[in-house]
Structure formats: structure tokens, C-alpha cells
N, C-alpha and C. Protein backbone atom coordinates (compact mmCIF):
# COMPACT_ATOMS: atom_id res chain seq x y z
N MET A 1 0.52 -1.07 -0.18
CA MET A 1 0.08 0.32 0.67
C MET A 1 0.31 0.87 -0.01
N SER A 2 1.12 2.19 -0.76
CA SER A 2 1.26 3.26 -1.06
C SER A 2 1.32 4.09 0.65
N THR A 3 2.02 4.98 1.03
CA THR A 3 2.26 5.66 2.10
C THR A 3 1.99 7.35 1.68
N THR A 4 1.76 7.29 0.42
CA THR A 4 1.17 8.79 0.26
C THR A 4 -0.33 9.14 -0.21
N TYR A 5 -0.74 10.58 -0.63
CA TYR A 5 -1.50 10.76 -0.59
C TYR A 5 -1.54 11.98 -1.95
N THR A 6 -1.69 11.94 -3.50
CA THR A 6 -1.66 13.92 -4.03
C THR A 6 -3.81 14.42 -3.77
N GLY A 7 -3.00 15.77 -3.19
CA GLY A 7 -3.68 16.31 -3.05
C GLY A 7 -4.17 16.94 -3.85
N PRO A 8 -5.60 17.93 -3.88
CA PRO A 8 -5.98 18.10 -4.41
C PRO A 8 -5.33 19.62 -4.97
N ASP A 9 -4.00 20.13 -4.60
CA ASP A 9 -3.20 20.45 -5.52
C ASP A 9 -1.79 20.16 -6.22
N GLY A 10 -2.47 18.60 -6.36
CA GLY A 10 -1.28 18.15 -6.83
C GLY A 10 -0.38 17.79 -6.06
N LYS A 11 0.26 17.76 -4.94
CA LYS A 11 1.03 17.98 -4.19
C LYS A 11 0.62 16.53 -2.74
N THR A 12 2.02 16.00 -2.94
CA THR A 12 1.79 14.57 -1.92
C THR A 12 2.15 14.71 -0.89
N ARG A 13 1.30 14.05 -0.11
CA ARG A 13 1.01 14.21 1.04
C ARG A 13 1.40 13.13 1.91
N CYS A 14 1.43 12.75 3.08
CA CYS A 14 1.44 11.22 4.26
C CYS A 14 -0.45 10.90 3.86
N ARG A 15 -0.11 9.35 3.23
CA ARG A 15 -1.64 9.10 3.23
C ARG A 15 -3.11 9.05 3.69
N TRP A 16 -2.44 8.70 5.08
CA TRP A 16 -4.03 9.12 5.92
C TRP A 16 -4.44 10.24 5.64
N CYS A 17 -4.18 11.46 5.09
CA CYS A 17 -4.70 12.74 5.50
C CYS A 17 -6.08 12.53 4.15
N GLY A 18 -5.93 11.81 3.34
CA GLY A 18 -6.94 11.54 2.00
C GLY A 18 -8.15 10.43 2.40
N ASP A 19 -8.05 10.65 4.08
CA ASP A 19 -8.74 9.27 4.11
C ASP A 19 -9.94 10.16 4.28
N ALA A 20 -10.42 11.73 4.81
CA ALA A 20 -11.95 11.94 4.71
C ALA A 20 -10.74 13.39 4.66
N PRO A 21 -12.04 14.52 4.12
CA PRO A 21 -11.81 15.70 3.28
C PRO A 21 -11.82 16.40 4.70
N GLU A 22 -11.42 16.61 6.19
CA GLU A 22 -11.68 17.19 7.23
C GLU A 22 -10.12 16.79 7.59
N PHE A 23 -9.94 15.96 6.86
CA PHE A 23 -8.07 15.30 7.93
C PHE A 23 -6.09 16.41 7.21
N LEU A 24 -6.85 16.81 5.63
CA LEU A 24 -5.86 17.56 4.88
C LEU A 24 -6.08 19.20 5.71
N HIS A 25 -6.14 19.89 5.97
CA HIS A 25 -6.55 20.68 6.91
C HIS A 25 -5.72 20.63 7.93
N TYR A 26 -6.29 19.91 9.16
CA TYR A 26 -5.67 19.56 10.01
C TYR A 26 -3.83 18.83 9.86
N HIS A 27 -3.64 18.17 8.94
CA HIS A 27 -2.70 17.54 8.41
C HIS A 27 -1.71 19.02 8.01
N ASP A 28 -2.08 19.56 7.31
CA ASP A 28 -1.24 20.76 6.60
C ASP A 28 -1.13 21.58 7.48
N THR A 29 -1.43 22.45 8.51
CA THR A 29 -1.60 23.26 9.74
C THR A 29 -1.12 22.61 10.81
N GLU A 30 -1.14 21.79 11.63
CA GLU A 30 -1.48 21.27 12.95
C GLU A 30 -0.79 19.90 13.17
N TRP A 31 -0.67 18.78 12.57
CA TRP A 31 0.42 17.60 12.64
C TRP A 31 1.57 17.40 12.69
N GLY A 32 2.10 16.78 13.27
CA GLY A 32 3.36 16.93 13.48
C GLY A 32 4.72 18.47 14.18
N PHE A 33 3.33 19.85 13.94
CA PHE A 33 4.23 20.73 14.44
C PHE A 33 4.05 21.47 15.59
N PRO A 34 5.94 21.44 16.30
CA PRO A 34 5.38 21.21 18.09
C PRO A 34 4.66 22.59 18.58
N VAL A 35 4.61 22.29 19.39
CA VAL A 35 3.41 23.20 20.61
C VAL A 35 4.34 23.18 22.07
N GLY A 36 4.11 23.77 22.42
CA GLY A 36 4.88 23.90 23.66
C GLY A 36 3.77 24.85 24.44
N ASP A 37 2.68 25.11 24.04
CA ASP A 37 1.20 25.43 25.04
C ASP A 37 0.91 24.03 25.60
N ASP A 38 0.65 24.32 27.23
CA ASP A 38 0.56 23.96 28.40
C ASP A 38 -1.20 23.26 28.06
N GLN A 39 -2.22 24.30 27.84
CA GLN A 39 -3.61 23.71 27.42
C GLN A 39 -3.69 23.01 26.10
N ARG A 40 -3.09 23.22 24.86
CA ARG A 40 -2.93 22.68 24.22
C ARG A 40 -2.41 21.24 24.30
N LEU A 41 -1.15 20.83 24.67
CA LEU A 41 -1.22 19.94 25.09
C LEU A 41 -1.89 18.72 25.96
N PHE A 42 -2.57 19.06 26.29
CA PHE A 42 -3.25 18.90 27.81
C PHE A 42 -4.42 18.19 26.64
N GLU A 43 -5.16 19.13 25.81
CA GLU A 43 -6.23 18.73 25.14
C GLU A 43 -5.55 18.00 24.50
N LYS A 44 -4.79 17.51 23.86
CA LYS A 44 -4.16 16.68 22.80
C LYS A 44 -4.73 14.94 23.60
N LEU A 45 -3.39 14.94 24.75
CA LEU A 45 -4.07 13.50 25.84
C LEU A 45 -4.74 13.67 25.92
N CYS A 46 -5.47 14.44 26.02
CA CYS A 46 -7.27 14.11 26.17
C CYS A 46 -8.15 13.27 25.21
N LEU A 47 -7.60 14.57 23.80
CA LEU A 47 -8.34 14.16 23.09
C LEU A 47 -8.02 12.25 22.47
N GLU A 48 -6.72 12.46 22.82
CA GLU A 48 -6.24 11.26 22.43
C GLU A 48 -6.86 9.99 22.82
N GLY A 49 -7.08 10.40 24.24
CA GLY A 49 -7.47 9.07 25.28
C GLY A 49 -8.92 8.89 24.97
N PHE A 50 -9.61 10.34 24.43
CA PHE A 50 -11.50 9.39 23.61
C PHE A 50 -11.18 8.96 22.37
N GLN A 51 -9.66 9.16 21.79
CA GLN A 51 -9.55 8.14 20.46
C GLN A 51 -9.88 6.91 20.68
N SER A 52 -9.87 6.46 21.69
CA SER A 52 -8.92 4.87 21.62
C SER A 52 -10.13 4.42 21.29
N GLY A 53 -9.90 2.94 20.60
CA GLY A 53 -10.54 2.00 20.56
C GLY A 53 -11.84 3.04 18.78
N LEU A 54 -11.37 4.22 18.82
CA LEU A 54 -12.51 5.10 17.81
C LEU A 54 -11.37 5.46 17.17
N SER A 55 -12.30 6.20 15.75
CA SER A 55 -11.07 7.33 14.92
C SER A 55 -10.89 8.41 14.84
N TRP A 56 -9.75 9.24 14.71
CA TRP A 56 -9.62 10.26 14.71
C TRP A 56 -10.61 11.32 14.09
N ARG A 57 -11.56 10.81 12.91
CA ARG A 57 -12.79 11.27 12.29
C ARG A 57 -13.89 11.64 13.35
N THR A 58 -13.15 11.25 14.03
CA THR A 58 -14.88 11.48 14.70
C THR A 58 -14.71 12.54 15.47
N ILE A 59 -12.87 11.70 16.47
CA ILE A 59 -12.48 12.92 17.53
C ILE A 59 -12.61 13.68 16.70
N LEU A 60 -12.35 14.28 15.63
CA LEU A 60 -12.21 15.59 15.33
C LEU A 60 -13.24 16.67 14.97
N ALA A 61 -14.15 15.12 13.92
CA ALA A 61 -15.62 15.87 14.19
C ALA A 61 -16.23 16.95 15.39
N LYS A 62 -15.18 16.35 16.18
CA LYS A 62 -16.57 17.05 17.53
C LYS A 62 -15.93 17.79 18.35
N ARG A 63 -14.17 17.91 18.03
CA ARG A 63 -13.51 18.34 18.65
C ARG A 63 -13.85 19.78 19.16
N GLU A 64 -13.94 21.06 18.69
CA GLU A 64 -15.23 22.33 19.24
C GLU A 64 -16.56 21.83 20.55
N ASN A 65 -16.75 21.03 20.51
CA ASN A 65 -17.65 20.73 20.97
C ASN A 65 -17.47 19.63 22.46
N PHE A 66 -15.99 19.36 22.64
CA PHE A 66 -15.39 18.86 23.65
C PHE A 66 -14.95 20.72 23.97
N ARG A 67 -14.62 21.25 23.37
CA ARG A 67 -13.33 21.94 24.17
C ARG A 67 -14.69 22.59 24.55
N THR A 68 -15.99 23.02 24.12
CA THR A 68 -16.89 24.04 24.68
C THR A 68 -17.31 22.78 26.74
N ALA A 69 -16.95 21.71 26.08
CA ALA A 69 -17.68 21.02 27.16
C ALA A 69 -16.63 20.74 28.14
N PHE A 70 -15.34 20.61 28.33
CA PHE A 70 -14.36 20.34 28.71
C PHE A 70 -12.99 22.23 29.16
N HIS A 71 -14.02 23.17 29.36
CA HIS A 71 -13.82 24.78 28.90
C HIS A 71 -12.09 24.62 28.34
N GLY A 72 -12.46 23.94 27.25
CA GLY A 72 -11.41 24.99 26.72
C GLY A 72 -9.98 23.71 26.95
N PHE A 73 -10.06 22.83 28.05
CA PHE A 73 -9.22 22.32 28.14
C PHE A 73 -8.42 22.72 29.19
N ASP A 74 -9.00 23.65 30.11
CA ASP A 74 -7.96 24.12 30.96
C ASP A 74 -7.79 23.85 32.01
N PHE A 75 -6.69 22.82 32.98
CA PHE A 75 -6.76 21.63 33.56
C PHE A 75 -7.06 21.65 34.89
N HIS A 76 -7.30 23.73 34.81
CA HIS A 76 -7.22 23.89 36.51
C HIS A 76 -8.26 23.95 36.62
N LYS A 77 -9.89 24.28 35.53
CA LYS A 77 -11.03 24.47 35.26
C LYS A 77 -12.02 23.10 35.69
N VAL A 78 -10.46 22.01 34.86
CA VAL A 78 -11.76 20.96 35.00
C VAL A 78 -10.98 19.61 36.08
N ALA A 79 -10.03 20.20 37.04
CA ALA A 79 -9.90 19.42 38.06
C ALA A 79 -11.13 19.93 39.15
N ALA A 80 -11.51 21.15 39.11
CA ALA A 80 -12.23 20.98 40.16
C ALA A 80 -13.94 20.57 39.49
N PHE A 81 -14.08 19.88 38.22
CA PHE A 81 -15.40 19.11 37.90
C PHE A 81 -15.67 17.60 39.05
N THR A 82 -17.16 18.49 39.54
CA THR A 82 -17.80 18.08 39.97
C THR A 82 -18.43 16.28 39.34
N GLU A 83 -19.19 15.23 40.23
CA GLU A 83 -19.82 14.51 39.44
C GLU A 83 -20.89 14.91 38.91
N LEU A 84 -21.64 16.43 39.18
CA LEU A 84 -21.98 17.10 38.69
C LEU A 84 -21.93 17.70 37.16
N ASP A 85 -20.74 17.82 36.69
CA ASP A 85 -20.18 17.93 35.51
C ASP A 85 -20.23 16.66 34.85
N VAL A 86 -20.12 15.29 35.67
CA VAL A 86 -19.36 14.11 35.07
C VAL A 86 -21.13 13.98 34.23
N THR A 87 -22.29 13.90 35.27
CA THR A 87 -23.81 14.02 34.51
C THR A 87 -23.99 14.78 33.42
N ARG A 88 -23.34 15.79 33.61
CA ARG A 88 -23.65 17.26 32.92
C ARG A 88 -23.16 16.46 30.77
N LEU A 89 -21.61 16.15 31.53
CA LEU A 89 -21.13 15.09 30.34
C LEU A 89 -21.13 14.12 29.71
N LEU A 90 -22.26 13.37 30.40
CA LEU A 90 -22.52 11.95 30.52
C LEU A 90 -24.03 12.63 28.92
N ASN A 91 -24.79 13.31 29.46
CA ASN A 91 -25.84 14.09 28.36
C ASN A 91 -25.20 14.76 27.51
N ASP A 92 -24.24 15.13 27.25
CA ASP A 92 -23.70 15.71 26.24
C ASP A 92 -23.56 15.22 25.03
N ALA A 93 -24.81 14.64 23.95
CA ALA A 93 -24.64 14.35 22.66
C ALA A 93 -23.08 14.41 21.75
N GLY A 94 -22.84 16.17 22.06
CA GLY A 94 -21.49 16.48 21.23
C GLY A 94 -20.52 15.73 21.73
N ILE A 95 -19.79 15.18 22.37
CA ILE A 95 -18.80 14.53 22.52
C ILE A 95 -19.36 13.01 22.89
N VAL A 96 -18.29 12.07 23.58
CA VAL A 96 -17.90 10.86 23.38
C VAL A 96 -18.71 11.37 24.62
N ARG A 97 -19.48 9.56 24.92
CA ARG A 97 -20.37 9.32 26.45
C ARG A 97 -19.78 8.15 26.87
N HIS A 98 -18.65 8.28 27.65
CA HIS A 98 -17.95 6.95 27.38
C HIS A 98 -17.28 7.45 29.50
N ARG A 99 -17.85 7.04 30.74
CA ARG A 99 -17.87 7.28 31.90
C ARG A 99 -16.00 7.52 32.20
N GLY A 100 -15.77 6.46 31.01
CA GLY A 100 -14.65 6.01 32.52
C GLY A 100 -13.34 7.14 31.32
N LYS A 101 -13.83 7.53 30.31
CA LYS A 101 -12.69 8.38 29.65
C LYS A 101 -13.31 9.89 29.77
N ILE A 102 -14.72 9.90 30.66
CA ILE A 102 -14.62 11.58 30.79
C ILE A 102 -14.06 11.66 32.39
N GLU A 103 -14.10 10.82 32.95
CA GLU A 103 -13.76 10.69 34.33
C GLU A 103 -12.11 10.46 34.29
N ALA A 104 -11.16 10.18 33.60
CA ALA A 104 -9.97 9.83 33.41
C ALA A 104 -9.39 11.44 33.02
N VAL A 105 -10.36 12.53 32.44
CA VAL A 105 -9.86 13.82 31.79
C VAL A 105 -9.38 14.75 32.67
N ILE A 106 -11.04 14.41 34.20
CA ILE A 106 -10.55 15.04 35.09
C ILE A 106 -9.69 14.55 35.96
N ASN A 107 -9.31 13.58 36.37
CA ASN A 107 -8.82 13.00 37.15
C ASN A 107 -6.52 13.38 36.63
N ASN A 108 -6.79 13.37 35.28
CA ASN A 108 -5.36 13.73 34.47
C ASN A 108 -5.79 15.65 34.64
N ALA A 109 -6.89 16.05 35.19
CA ALA A 109 -6.20 18.00 35.25
C ALA A 109 -5.71 17.77 36.66
N LYS A 110 -6.69 17.28 37.55
CA LYS A 110 -5.94 16.75 38.11
C LYS A 110 -4.14 16.50 39.33
N ARG A 111 -4.16 15.37 38.19
CA ARG A 111 -2.29 15.06 37.84
C ARG A 111 -1.92 16.36 37.18
N ALA A 112 -2.41 16.98 35.92
CA ALA A 112 -1.36 18.15 35.44
C ALA A 112 -1.14 19.45 36.16
N LYS A 113 -2.33 19.59 36.94
CA LYS A 113 -2.34 20.29 38.10
C LYS A 113 -0.73 20.16 38.95
N GLU A 114 -0.64 18.87 39.50
CA GLU A 114 0.60 18.21 40.32
C GLU A 114 1.41 18.50 39.66
N LEU A 115 1.49 18.04 38.11
CA LEU A 115 2.66 17.85 37.45
C LEU A 115 3.44 19.41 37.63
N VAL A 116 2.34 20.29 36.98
CA VAL A 116 3.22 21.62 37.29
C VAL A 116 3.48 22.67 38.07
N GLU A 117 3.48 21.65 39.02
CA GLU A 117 3.78 22.37 40.77
C GLU A 117 4.83 22.26 40.79
N ARG A 118 5.10 20.82 40.34
CA ARG A 118 6.51 20.30 40.53
C ARG A 118 7.32 20.47 39.04
N GLU A 119 7.11 20.51 38.29
CA GLU A 119 8.29 20.92 36.58
C GLU A 119 7.91 22.28 36.25
N GLY A 120 6.70 23.40 36.77
CA GLY A 120 7.09 24.42 36.24
C GLY A 120 6.29 24.54 34.72
N SER A 121 6.10 23.62 34.53
CA SER A 121 5.15 23.78 33.03
C SER A 121 4.71 22.31 32.59
N LEU A 122 4.06 21.99 31.94
CA LEU A 122 3.76 20.60 31.06
C LEU A 122 4.43 20.44 30.14
N ALA A 123 5.13 21.87 29.70
CA ALA A 123 5.32 20.97 28.75
C ALA A 123 7.19 21.03 28.77
N ALA A 124 7.29 21.58 29.46
CA ALA A 124 8.95 21.05 29.98
C ALA A 124 9.51 20.15 29.99
N PHE A 125 7.86 19.08 31.39
CA PHE A 125 7.82 18.00 31.16
C PHE A 125 7.79 17.19 29.99
N ILE A 126 6.71 17.48 29.39
CA ILE A 126 6.57 16.40 28.21
C ILE A 126 7.52 16.73 26.90
N TRP A 127 8.46 17.73 26.78
CA TRP A 127 9.00 17.82 25.31
C TRP A 127 11.11 16.99 26.36
N ARG A 128 10.91 16.64 27.61
CA ARG A 128 11.97 16.31 27.89
C ARG A 128 12.11 15.20 27.57
N TYR A 129 11.16 14.35 26.79
CA TYR A 129 10.56 13.20 26.06
C TYR A 129 11.08 13.34 24.97
N GLU A 130 11.01 14.35 24.15
CA GLU A 130 12.10 14.00 22.48
C GLU A 130 12.67 13.32 22.04
N PRO A 131 12.74 12.13 21.22
CA PRO A 131 13.50 11.13 21.22
C PRO A 131 14.91 12.20 19.94
N ASP A 132 15.33 11.53 20.56
CA ASP A 132 16.89 12.18 19.38
C ASP A 132 16.13 11.56 18.11
N VAL A 133 16.36 12.22 17.16
CA VAL A 133 16.19 11.64 15.47
C VAL A 133 17.58 10.68 15.52
N LYS A 134 18.35 10.33 16.14
CA LYS A 134 18.96 8.71 15.57
C LYS A 134 18.31 7.96 15.99
N GLU A 135 17.11 8.05 17.02
CA GLU A 135 16.91 6.80 17.73
C GLU A 135 15.60 6.36 17.01
N LEU A 136 15.31 7.62 15.85
CA LEU A 136 13.63 7.60 15.47
C LEU A 136 14.41 6.44 14.47
N ALA A 137 12.83 5.98 14.55
CA ALA A 137 12.89 4.31 13.08
C ALA A 137 11.73 5.53 11.96
N GLN A 138 11.95 5.34 10.91
CA GLN A 138 11.12 5.53 9.20
C GLN A 138 10.22 6.06 9.96
N PRO A 139 9.94 7.45 9.24
CA PRO A 139 8.56 7.69 9.66
C PRO A 139 7.41 6.87 9.54
N GLN A 140 6.28 6.80 10.94
CA GLN A 140 5.19 5.83 11.09
C GLN A 140 5.36 4.28 10.45
N THR A 141 6.39 3.86 10.91
CA THR A 141 6.37 2.64 10.73
C THR A 141 6.22 1.86 12.42
N THR A 142 6.04 2.67 13.33
CA THR A 142 5.15 1.91 14.12
C THR A 142 4.29 2.73 14.82
N SER A 143 3.76 1.91 15.85
CA SER A 143 3.10 2.78 16.54
C SER A 143 2.49 3.01 18.26
N THR A 144 4.64 2.85 18.33
CA THR A 144 5.20 3.38 19.45
C THR A 144 6.34 3.78 18.99
N SER A 145 7.59 3.61 20.61
CA SER A 145 8.41 4.20 20.15
C SER A 145 8.90 3.81 21.55
N GLY A 146 10.49 4.18 21.72
CA GLY A 146 11.13 4.23 22.75
C GLY A 146 10.50 5.19 23.95
N ALA A 147 10.61 6.04 23.40
CA ALA A 147 10.42 7.63 23.66
C ALA A 147 8.76 7.50 24.36
N SER A 148 7.47 6.92 23.87
CA SER A 148 6.66 6.94 23.61
C SER A 148 6.19 5.66 25.07
N LEU A 149 7.04 5.13 24.92
CA LEU A 149 6.39 3.94 26.38
C LEU A 149 7.58 5.11 27.31
N ALA A 150 8.38 5.25 27.54
CA ALA A 150 8.94 6.04 28.72
C ALA A 150 8.39 7.21 29.27
N LEU A 151 7.87 7.66 28.12
CA LEU A 151 6.33 9.04 28.81
C LEU A 151 5.03 8.42 29.51
N SER A 152 4.92 7.31 28.28
CA SER A 152 3.91 6.61 29.03
C SER A 152 3.90 5.89 30.55
N LYS A 153 5.03 5.59 30.61
CA LYS A 153 5.17 4.19 32.10
C LYS A 153 5.30 5.39 33.06
N GLU A 154 5.82 6.99 32.94
CA GLU A 154 5.85 8.01 34.00
C GLU A 154 4.61 8.42 34.17
N LEU A 155 3.55 8.92 33.43
CA LEU A 155 2.80 9.56 32.94
C LEU A 155 1.64 8.30 34.44
N LYS A 156 1.96 6.89 34.30
CA LYS A 156 1.08 5.90 34.45
C LYS A 156 1.46 6.42 35.57
N LYS A 157 2.70 6.14 36.29
CA LYS A 157 3.06 6.54 37.44
C LYS A 157 2.36 7.31 37.97
N GLN A 158 2.52 8.40 37.56
CA GLN A 158 1.92 10.20 38.51
C GLN A 158 0.45 9.80 38.66
N GLY A 159 -0.44 8.72 38.19
CA GLY A 159 -1.74 8.57 38.55
C GLY A 159 -2.37 8.95 37.31
N TRP A 160 -1.60 8.80 36.15
CA TRP A 160 -2.96 9.60 34.99
C TRP A 160 -3.37 7.94 34.67
N LYS A 161 -4.44 8.52 33.72
CA LYS A 161 -5.14 7.12 33.09
C LYS A 161 -5.31 7.54 31.04
N PHE A 162 -5.54 6.62 30.65
CA PHE A 162 -5.86 6.15 29.29
C PHE A 162 -4.58 7.24 28.82
N VAL A 163 -3.35 6.70 29.27
CA VAL A 163 -2.00 7.20 28.53
C VAL A 163 -1.67 5.81 28.32
N GLY A 164 -1.42 4.85 27.28
CA GLY A 164 -0.75 4.07 26.72
C GLY A 164 0.28 5.07 26.04
N PRO A 165 1.17 3.92 25.73
CA PRO A 165 2.49 4.14 24.92
C PRO A 165 1.51 4.38 23.35
N THR A 166 1.15 3.57 23.22
CA THR A 166 0.02 3.91 22.03
C THR A 166 -0.54 5.22 21.52
N THR A 167 -1.24 5.46 22.71
CA THR A 167 -1.96 6.45 22.51
C THR A 167 -1.42 8.02 22.81
N VAL A 168 0.66 7.94 23.64
CA VAL A 168 1.38 9.05 23.97
C VAL A 168 1.65 8.93 22.58
N HIS A 169 2.57 7.78 21.64
CA HIS A 169 2.84 7.88 20.35
C HIS A 169 2.01 8.40 19.98
N ALA A 170 1.22 8.86 19.10
CA ALA A 170 0.30 9.54 18.67
C ALA A 170 0.30 11.16 18.88
N PHE A 171 0.41 10.82 20.07
CA PHE A 171 0.32 11.92 20.77
C PHE A 171 1.79 13.06 20.12
N MET A 172 2.88 12.21 20.89
CA MET A 172 3.82 13.08 20.47
C MET A 172 4.26 13.50 18.70
N GLN A 173 3.31 11.80 18.01
CA GLN A 173 3.34 12.98 16.56
C GLN A 173 3.09 13.54 15.85
N ALA A 174 1.66 14.09 16.90
CA ALA A 174 0.52 15.70 16.47
C ALA A 174 1.04 16.45 17.02
N MET A 175 2.07 16.45 18.24
CA MET A 175 2.57 17.48 18.93
C MET A 175 3.67 18.15 18.68
N GLY A 176 4.07 17.82 17.40
CA GLY A 176 5.53 17.55 16.95
C GLY A 176 7.35 17.39 17.73
N LEU A 177 6.83 16.66 18.78
CA LEU A 177 7.72 15.78 19.36
C LEU A 177 9.00 15.20 18.69
N ILE A 178 8.26 14.55 17.96
CA ILE A 178 8.23 13.17 16.50
C ILE A 178 7.14 13.65 14.58
N ASN A 179 8.87 14.34 14.26
CA ASN A 179 7.89 14.09 12.88
C ASN A 179 7.99 13.44 12.06
N ASP A 180 6.55 12.86 12.21
CA ASP A 180 6.51 11.47 11.36
C ASP A 180 5.56 11.72 10.15
N HIS A 181 5.54 12.97 9.70
CA HIS A 181 5.20 13.07 7.81
C HIS A 181 6.48 12.06 6.78
N VAL A 182 5.72 11.42 6.08
CA VAL A 182 6.50 10.87 5.07
C VAL A 182 7.31 11.42 4.79
N GLU A 183 8.80 10.87 4.37
CA GLU A 183 9.90 10.86 3.61
C GLU A 183 9.21 11.75 2.45
N ASP A 184 8.20 11.76 1.63
CA ASP A 184 7.97 12.38 0.34
C ASP A 184 6.71 13.39 0.63
N CYS A 185 6.39 13.53 1.70
CA CYS A 185 4.89 14.72 2.34
C CYS A 185 5.84 16.11 1.89
N VAL A 186 4.88 16.45 0.91
CA VAL A 186 5.24 18.19 0.93
C VAL A 186 5.72 19.25 2.49
N ILE A 187 4.68 18.40 3.33
CA ILE A 187 4.34 18.74 4.32
C ILE A 187 5.74 18.78 6.01
N ARG A 188 6.01 17.95 5.43
CA ARG A 188 7.79 17.38 6.49
C ARG A 188 8.47 18.24 6.19
N PRO A 189 9.11 19.10 5.47
CA PRO A 189 9.66 20.18 5.06
C PRO A 189 8.98 21.11 6.56
N LYS A 190 8.62 21.48 6.01
CA LYS A 190 8.06 22.70 6.96
C LYS A 190 7.10 22.11 8.18
N SER A 191 7.41 21.42 8.64
CA SER A 191 7.49 20.38 10.22
C SER A 191 8.91 20.49 10.94
N GLU A 192 9.51 20.34 9.46
CA GLU A 192 10.73 19.90 10.30
C GLU A 192 11.20 21.25 10.48
N ALA A 193 11.52 22.62 9.41
CA ALA A 193 12.65 23.53 9.77
C ALA A 193 11.16 24.89 11.32
N ALA A 194 9.56 23.80 11.38
CA ALA A 194 9.07 24.59 12.61
C ALA A 194 9.70 24.12 13.85
N ARG A 195 10.40 22.66 13.66
CA ARG A 195 10.54 22.01 14.26
C ARG A 195 12.06 22.58 15.27
N LYS A 196 13.34 23.18 14.45
CA LYS A 196 14.13 23.59 14.55
C LYS A 196 14.38 24.88 14.92
N ARG A 197 12.34 25.56 14.48
CA ARG A 197 12.99 27.14 15.26
C ARG A 197 12.49 27.06 16.53
N PHE A 198 11.28 25.81 17.02
CA PHE A 198 10.66 26.03 18.36
C PHE A 198 12.30 25.82 19.03
N LYS A 199 11.54 27.27 20.69
CA LYS A 199 12.41 26.94 21.31
C LYS A 199 11.96 25.55 22.39
N ARG A 200 12.72 24.96 22.51
CA ARG A 200 11.99 24.04 23.71
C ARG A 200 12.31 24.66 25.47
N PRO A 201 10.77 24.54 25.76
CA PRO A 201 10.56 24.09 27.14
C PRO A 201 11.66 24.25 28.51
N LEU A 202 12.17 24.80 29.10
CA LEU A 202 12.60 24.86 30.10
C LEU A 202 12.04 24.59 31.54
N ARG A 203 12.50 24.10 31.98
CA ARG A 203 12.19 23.45 33.92
C ARG A 203 11.53 24.90 34.33
N GLY A 204 10.67 25.19 34.81
CA GLY A 204 10.24 26.41 35.92
C GLY A 204 11.08 26.75 36.86
């Protein structure tokens, strides 16, 4: 099977972005570009957790609903959610109504607050797990990596939920800790240039 897709502009991209119309913009403007904002990092970890067992298309289509339901994924606000909020979310048809995943987001918000108190920022902690380029396999050849295994293990140790190595690897791909655009993808050099410009967050 080919690893590439020819977009409407005639340029080659990662094959998966041709699977749904809404994937193209996400692929070209977000996926693989480095993120150092705590709220966006927390959001993506949560959304990857919600995707477990589902398709990214389902989650992407509901992303704005998720943002509204979880107050923009401000983990300080989400950490204060109560059982009333869980009930509210279970009745929200705009999101994925899975009690375990909803409760995991609330739990993880509390763990994120604790982590920030220790590390200064979520970004400083996350980017510590950026793999060395020499350690990476060819783009998109695996669903986990040594780095995702290590980060997943540490997050679980700290009490986070729905952060298995496959989920964490997808998170690292999306947030630019790994440039996993295929070699012939027109966006790969743009993603790599953004990674080179990106100032890695330091511990506070």
C-alpha cells in the first residue's frame, strides 16, 4: 500500500490525510508542528484518550464540542469538576459519552496541576521526552516508540489514565515531538523547519 496521497493541489502528502476531507487542513497546519502551550498539550492528550477504540475522524469532528464541554481544556478548571459535571457530560450528545474517559480527563487535570507545581509547566516535562533523531525509525513505521513507552510509563506512575504507549505515541506525533510526515510529504520540510525554530521549554 502506498504511503502517500496526492492532494487537490497535486502535491504529495501522508496517505492518511486523504481518508477524510477534514483531515487535509489538520495535516497541513497542525499535525507534526511543535506545541509548547500547556493547555493545547493537555487537550491533545485528552482527545487521544477519547480516541482510544475510535477513529480520529470522530474526535476531530467533535473537537469544538469537546472544547466547549471541558472549558477549553483548562486543566485548572477541569480539575474542579464534580459528579454533577460528569452527569452533564454524559448527557452531552456533542462529545463521546464514555464515563471512564470523562472521569480520566478530570483525574488527569488534577495530575496536570500537580505536575506543573513540580516541573513549572506541562510542556517542560513533556518535551523532556523528545527522542533523539538518531533513535527514530522511519516515519510512521510503528505505533509506539522508546520515547512513548517511557513517557507513558512515567505518566501512569504519576496517576494519569488513558495514556498507554500507543496513545502517547500518537500524541507525540501530533504535537511535533516527532516529525512523522512521510519522506515525500510536502509538509514534512515545513514541520521540520518549525521544529528547528521551536524553543524547547525549560523547567520553571
